[in-house]
C-alpha cells in the first residue's frame, strides 16, 4: 500500500479531510485525479472505479476496510465476486 493511500484513505476512513498528490478526501468523499471513487452515504459506504480500472485506483480502494479488489484475466473482482466497477455498496 502506498504512503498516499495510507494517509488520505486513512483520513477518509475516519471521515476526515486530507489531501496529498492526486488523492483527496473531504471527509465524506474520496477523489483520485478529481474523480469520485468512494463516498459515505446515509446507508453506508459506496465505491466505484469511476471508469478507471488502474493500479492506482485499485490501491486507493483497497485501503478501505472491507474492500479487497484484485484482477484476474483482465477482470476485476471485489471481495471474490466479479465487479464491473460501477457504484456498489460495501
Protein backbone atom coordinates (compact mmCIF):
# COMPACT_ATOMS: atom_id res chain seq x y z
CA UNK A 1 0.00 0.00 0.00
CA UNK A 2 1.38 3.38 -0.99
CA UNK A 3 2.03 6.17 1.51
CA UNK A 4 -0.63 8.41 -0.07
CA UNK A 5 -3.16 5.61 0.32
CA UNK A 6 -2.30 5.17 3.99
CA UNK A 7 -2.51 8.91 4.63
CA UNK A 8 -5.51 10.10 2.60
CA UNK A 9 -7.61 6.94 2.60
CA UNK A 10 -6.86 6.57 6.29
CA UNK A 11 -8.32 10.05 6.83
CA UNK A 12 -11.35 9.17 4.65
CA UNK A 13 -11.93 6.04 6.74
CA UNK A 14 -12.07 8.30 9.81
CA UNK A 15 -14.32 10.75 7.90
CA UNK A 16 -11.64 13.45 7.93
CA UNK A 17 -10.47 15.81 5.19
CA UNK A 18 -6.96 15.27 3.80
CA UNK A 19 -5.19 15.80 0.50
CA UNK A 20 -1.92 14.54 -0.91
CA UNK A 21 -0.74 14.37 -4.50
CA UNK A 22 -3.52 13.12 -6.75
CA UNK A 23 -5.80 11.91 -3.93
CA UNK A 24 -8.19 13.95 -1.81
CA UNK A 25 -10.79 13.31 0.89
CA UNK A 26 -13.30 15.88 2.10
CA UNK A 27 -14.35 13.55 4.88
CA UNK A 28 -17.37 12.06 3.10
CA UNK A 29 -15.98 11.58 -0.42
CA UNK A 30 -12.72 10.19 -1.78
CA UNK A 31 -11.29 11.50 -5.06
CA UNK A 32 -8.48 10.28 -7.32
CA UNK A 33 -7.43 12.68 -10.09
CA UNK A 34 -10.66 14.60 -9.43
CA UNK A 35 -12.85 11.51 -9.92
CA UNK A 36 -15.01 10.41 -7.00
CA UNK A 37 -14.17 6.78 -6.21
CA UNK A 38 -15.81 6.37 -2.79
CA UNK A 39 -18.37 8.10 -0.63
CA UNK A 40 -20.11 7.72 2.68
CA UNK A 41 -23.89 7.78 2.15
CA UNK A 42 -26.73 7.61 4.67
CA UNK A 43 -26.93 3.83 4.09
CA UNK A 44 -23.19 3.13 4.23
CA UNK A 45 -20.03 3.16 2.12
CA UNK A 46 -20.19 3.08 -1.68
CA UNK A 47 -17.30 2.67 -4.14
CA UNK A 48 -16.65 2.84 -7.89
CA UNK A 49 -13.62 2.72 -10.16
CA UNK A 50 -15.01 5.85 -11.92
CA UNK A 51 -14.21 4.20 -15.24
CA UNK A 52 -10.52 3.84 -14.42
CA UNK A 53 -9.52 0.27 -13.63
CA UNK A 54 -5.94 1.28 -12.92
CA UNK A 55 -3.39 0.02 -10.43
CA UNK A 56 -3.66 3.33 -8.55
CA UNK A 57 -7.47 3.19 -8.34
CA UNK A 58 -7.24 -0.37 -7.06
CA UNK A 59 -4.62 0.63 -4.48
CA UNK A 60 -6.72 3.52 -3.14
CA UNK A 61 -9.89 1.42 -2.89
CA UNK A 62 -8.00 -1.46 -1.26
CA UNK A 63 -7.05 0.97 1.51
CA UNK A 64 -10.68 0.95 2.65
CA UNK A 65 -11.58 -1.71 5.25
CA UNK A 66 -13.87 -4.37 3.80
CA UNK A 67 -12.62 -3.78 0.25
CA UNK A 68 -10.45 -6.40 -1.46
CA UNK A 69 -10.02 -5.82 -5.17
CA UNK A 70 -7.83 -7.97 -7.38
CA UNK A 71 -7.52 -8.59 -11.10
CA UNK A 72 -7.56 -11.89 -12.95
CA UNK A 73 -7.67 -12.34 -16.73
CA UNK A 74 -8.27 -8.60 -17.21
CA UNK A 75 -11.35 -8.70 -14.96
CA UNK A 76 -11.69 -7.02 -11.58
CA UNK A 77 -13.00 -8.87 -8.56
CA UNK A 78 -14.38 -7.21 -5.43
CA UNK A 79 -14.37 -9.39 -2.34
CA UNK A 80 -14.30 -12.51 -4.50
CA UNK A 81 -17.08 -11.52 -6.93
CA UNK A 82 -16.56 -10.22 -10.45
CA UNK A 83 -17.14 -6.46 -10.45
CA UNK A 84 -17.77 -4.10 -13.36
CA UNK A 85 -16.53 -1.02 -11.46
CA UNK A 86 -19.95 0.61 -11.15
CA UNK A 87 -21.12 2.09 -7.84
CA UNK A 88 -21.66 -0.62 -5.24
CA UNK A 89 -22.27 -0.63 -1.51
CA UNK A 90 -19.60 -2.42 0.50
